[in-house]
Structures are given as structure tokens and as C-alpha cells.
C-alpha atoms as a PDB file:
ATOM      1  CA  MET A   1      23.899  -3.008  29.188  1.00  0.00           C
ATOM      2  CA  ILE A   2      21.435  -3.774  26.581  1.00  0.00           C
ATOM      3  CA  ASP A   3      19.725  -6.583  26.980  1.00  0.00           C
ATOM      4  CA  TRP A   4      20.172  -8.527  23.013  1.00  0.00           C
ATOM      5  CA  GLY A   5      17.129 -11.065  23.580  1.00  0.00           C
ATOM      6  CA  ALA A   6      15.159  -8.288  24.425  1.00  0.00           C
ATOM      7  CA  PHE A   7      15.368  -5.616  21.590  1.00  0.00           C
ATOM      8  CA  LEU A   8      15.224  -8.707  19.026  1.00  0.00           C
ATOM      9  CA  LEU A   9      11.971  -9.658  20.386  1.00  0.00           C
ATOM     10  CA  VAL A  10      10.810  -6.310  20.123  1.00  0.00           C
ATOM     11  CA  ALA A  11      11.783  -5.700  16.597  1.00  0.00           C
ATOM     12  CA  LEU A  12      10.456  -8.969  15.571  1.00  0.00           C
ATOM     13  CA  ALA A  13       7.379  -8.268  17.172  1.00  0.00           C
ATOM     14  CA  ALA A  14       7.087  -4.337  15.349  1.00  0.00           C
ATOM     15  CA  LEU A  15       7.907  -7.070  12.376  1.00  0.00           C
ATOM     16  CA  ILE A  16       5.636  -8.779  12.769  1.00  0.00           C
ATOM     17  CA  ALA A  17       2.943  -6.187  13.299  1.00  0.00           C
ATOM     18  CA  ALA A  18       3.493  -4.009  10.370  1.00  0.00           C
ATOM     19  CA  SER A  19       3.394  -7.123   8.301  1.00  0.00           C
ATOM     20  CA  VAL A  20      -0.231  -7.949   9.479  1.00  0.00           C
ATOM     21  CA  VAL A  21      -1.494  -4.632   9.272  1.00  0.00           C
ATOM     22  CA  VAL A  22      -0.454  -3.522   5.801  1.00  0.00           C
ATOM     23  CA  SER A  23      -0.879  -6.929   4.044  1.00  0.00           C
ATOM     24  CA  SER A  24      -4.794  -7.103   5.627  1.00  0.00           C
ATOM     25  CA  TYR A  25      -5.551  -3.110   4.386  1.00  0.00           C
ATOM     26  CA  SER A  26      -3.458  -4.052   1.639  1.00  0.00           C
ATOM     27  CA  PHE A  27      -5.653  -7.375   1.281  1.00  0.00           C
ATOM     28  CA  GLY A  28      -8.832  -5.278   2.332  1.00  0.00           C
ATOM     29  CA  LEU A  29      -8.321  -2.681  -0.931  1.00  0.00           C
ATOM     30  CA  ARG A  30      -8.262  -6.156  -3.536  1.00  0.00           C
ATOM     31  CA  LEU A  31     -10.833  -7.593  -2.197  1.00  0.00           C
ATOM     32  CA  LEU A  32     -12.820  -3.569  -1.746  1.00  0.00           C
ATOM     33  CA  ALA A  33     -12.049  -3.301  -5.370  1.00  0.00           C
ATOM     34  CA  LEU A  34     -12.865  -7.021  -6.428  1.00  0.00           C
ATOM     35  CA  GLY A  35     -16.313  -6.311  -5.375  1.00  0.00           C
ATOM     36  CA  GLY A  36     -16.731  -3.429  -7.016  1.00  0.00           C
ATOM     37  CA  ARG A  37     -16.193  -1.041  -4.761  1.00  0.00           C
ATOM     38  CA  ALA A  38     -13.216   0.414  -5.683  1.00  0.00           C
ATOM     39  CA  PRO A  39     -11.707   3.353  -3.138  1.00  0.00           C
ATOM     40  CA  VAL A  40     -12.141   6.740  -5.770  1.00  0.00           C
ATOM     41  CA  VAL A  41     -10.987   9.725  -5.307  1.00  0.00           C
ATOM     42  CA  GLY A  42     -11.878  12.898  -6.983  1.00  0.00           C
ATOM     43  CA  PRO A  43      -9.556  15.074  -8.827  1.00  0.00           C
ATOM     44  CA  ALA A  44      -7.968  18.016  -6.146  1.00  0.00           C
ATOM     45  CA  GLU A  45      -6.091  20.797  -6.727  1.00  0.00           C
ATOM     46  CA  PHE A  46      -3.709  22.187  -4.859  1.00  0.00           C
ATOM     47  CA  THR A  47      -1.415  25.529  -6.051  1.00  0.00           C
ATOM     48  CA  ASP A  48       1.243  23.527  -5.174  1.00  0.00           C
ATOM     49  CA  ALA A  49       0.702  20.718  -7.808  1.00  0.00           C
ATOM     50  CA  ILE A  50       2.211  18.853 -10.081  1.00  0.00           C
ATOM     51  CA  THR A  51      -0.663  17.775 -12.297  1.00  0.00           C
ATOM     52  CA  ILE A  52      -4.021  18.911 -11.300  1.00  0.00           C
ATOM     53  CA  ILE A  53      -6.838  16.925 -13.790  1.00  0.00           C
ATOM     54  CA  SER A  54      -8.750  17.975 -15.879  1.00  0.00           C
ATOM     55  CA  PRO A  55     -12.591  18.029 -15.235  1.00  0.00           C
ATOM     56  CA  ALA A  56     -12.448  16.101 -18.801  1.00  0.00           C
ATOM     57  CA  GLU A  57     -10.320  13.674 -17.036  1.00  0.00           C
ATOM     58  CA  ALA A  58     -11.747  13.213 -14.697  1.00  0.00           C
ATOM     59  CA  LYS A  59     -15.556  11.660 -16.932  1.00  0.00           C
ATOM     60  CA  ALA A  60     -12.918   9.669 -18.578  1.00  0.00           C
ATOM     61  CA  ILE A  61     -10.758   7.689 -15.544  1.00  0.00           C
ATOM     62  CA  ALA A  62     -14.681   8.075 -14.032  1.00  0.00           C
ATOM     63  CA  LYS A  63     -16.064   6.035 -17.619  1.00  0.00           C
ATOM     64  CA  ARG A  64     -13.492   3.354 -17.318  1.00  0.00           C
ATOM     65  CA  ALA A  65     -13.981   2.746 -13.925  1.00  0.00           C
ATOM     66  CA  LYS A  66     -18.114   2.076 -14.849  1.00  0.00           C
ATOM     67  CA  LYS A  67     -17.031   0.057 -17.798  1.00  0.00           C
ATOM     68  CA  ALA A  68     -14.724  -2.468 -15.168  1.00  0.00           C
ATOM     69  CA  ALA A  69     -17.288  -2.687 -12.812  1.00  0.00           C
ATOM     70  CA  LYS A  70     -19.574  -4.339 -15.811  1.00  0.00           C
ATOM     71  CA  LYS A  71     -17.188  -6.785 -16.884  1.00  0.00           C
ATOM     72  CA  ASN A  72     -16.874  -8.735 -13.405  1.00  0.00           C
ATOM     73  CA  PRO A  73     -17.691 -11.587 -14.148  1.00  0.00           C
ATOM     74  CA  LEU A  74     -18.446 -12.981 -10.212  1.00  0.00           C
ATOM     75  CA  THR A  75     -22.269 -12.698  -8.906  1.00  0.00           C
ATOM     76  CA  ASP A  76     -23.772 -11.133  -6.453  1.00  0.00           C
ATOM     77  CA  ALA A  77     -22.805 -13.602  -3.541  1.00  0.00           C
ATOM     78  CA  GLN A  78     -19.482 -13.312  -4.695  1.00  0.00           C
ATOM     79  CA  LYS A  79     -19.102  -9.430  -4.761  1.00  0.00           C
ATOM     80  CA  ARG A  80     -21.181  -9.322  -1.165  1.00  0.00           C
ATOM     81  CA  ALA A  81     -18.650 -12.296   0.089  1.00  0.00           C
ATOM     82  CA  ALA A  82     -15.418  -9.996  -1.654  1.00  0.00           C
ATOM     83  CA  LEU A  83     -16.816  -7.259   0.695  1.00  0.00           C
ATOM     84  CA  VAL A  84     -17.195  -8.600   3.770  1.00  0.00           C
ATOM     85  CA  GLY A  85     -13.368 -10.247   3.785  1.00  0.00           C
ATOM     86  CA  ALA A  86     -12.889  -6.154   3.077  1.00  0.00           C
ATOM     87  CA  TYR A  87     -14.171  -5.276   5.938  1.00  0.00           C
ATOM     88  CA  ALA A  88     -12.906  -7.581   8.026  1.00  0.00           C
ATOM     89  CA  CYS A  89      -9.915  -7.319   6.147  1.00  0.00           C
ATOM     90  CA  PHE A  90      -9.849  -3.968   7.434  1.00  0.00           C
ATOM     91  CA  THR A  91     -10.880  -4.830  10.672  1.00  0.00           C
ATOM     92  CA  ILE A  92      -7.699  -6.795  11.669  1.00  0.00           C
ATOM     93  CA  SER A  93      -5.639  -3.685  10.758  1.00  0.00           C
ATOM     94  CA  ALA A  94      -7.379  -1.576  12.460  1.00  0.00           C
ATOM     95  CA  LEU A  95      -8.158  -3.912  15.778  1.00  0.00           C
ATOM     96  CA  ALA A  96      -3.864  -4.117  15.267  1.00  0.00           C
ATOM     97  CA  VAL A  97      -2.947  -0.865  15.505  1.00  0.00           C
ATOM     98  CA  LEU A  98      -5.194  -0.057  18.363  1.00  0.00           C
ATOM     99  CA  TYR A  99      -3.500  -3.183  20.072  1.00  0.00           C
ATOM    100  CA  GLY A 100       0.115  -1.629  19.140  1.00  0.00           C
ATOM    101  CA  ILE A 101      -1.165   1.877  21.184  1.00  0.00           C
ATOM    102  CA  TYR A 102      -2.705  -0.418  23.998  1.00  0.00           C
ATOM    103  CA  LEU A 103       0.620  -1.402  24.712  1.00  0.00           C
ATOM    104  CA  ILE A 104       2.244   1.519  23.771  1.00  0.00           C
ATOM    105  CA  VAL A 105       0.245   4.046  26.005  1.00  0.00           C
ATOM    106  CA  PRO A 106      -0.537   3.220  29.852  1.00  0.00           C
ATOM    107  CA  TYR A 107       3.936   2.861  30.047  1.00  0.00           C
ATOM    108  CA  PHE A 108       3.501   6.679  29.119  1.00  0.00           C
ATOM    109  CA  HIS A 109       2.308   6.980  32.873  1.00  0.00           C
ATOM    110  CA  ARG A 110       4.661   5.449  34.666  1.00  0.00           C
END
């Protein structure tokens, strides 16, 4: 027999937890970019890659990112606040994931 109340409770908790993790991480990325430290991933060359970024394209992308950073209307204090907020969002996301693992792991020993 299925306890539908418990099933719905677990489904709702999973939905809320996933929303917290995804929202806090994405908001953290947005604040990180706003603070002037956008995560830049260098071009990678894979043997099976569909698209490979050439060094000229990578240079153009870096130039556009630098130009966009100069246009940032925020003061230095606002940029620092955005970075602190970004790290706080990343911490919330990580803690939510770790709490979920903490809830799951004890049941593997039974």
C-alpha cells in the first residue's frame, strides 16, 4: 500500500529543494557577472567537437568582455556588494546540496 501523503510530501520537498539550488546558483552567477567577474571558460579543443573556437575568435570574445566590463555603471562598493551576494548565493546552493546528501546518506547504513 502506498502512503500518498508521504509521497506528495517528498515530491514537494524535492521540488522546493531543486528550486532553491537552481535559483540561488543562477542568481549567484548573475551577481558574479554584475560584480565584474564573469566566469570565462577558455576554448577547448575536442577531437569530436562540432565547433572549435579559433584563437582569433577567443581574442575577440575577450575584447568584448573587457569592453563590457568598462561600461559597468556600478561603483566599486556596489561591485563588492554584488560579489559578496554572489558568494552568499553559492554558499546557500552548496549548503542545500550538502543537506540533501546528509538526509540521504544515513539510510544507506540500515
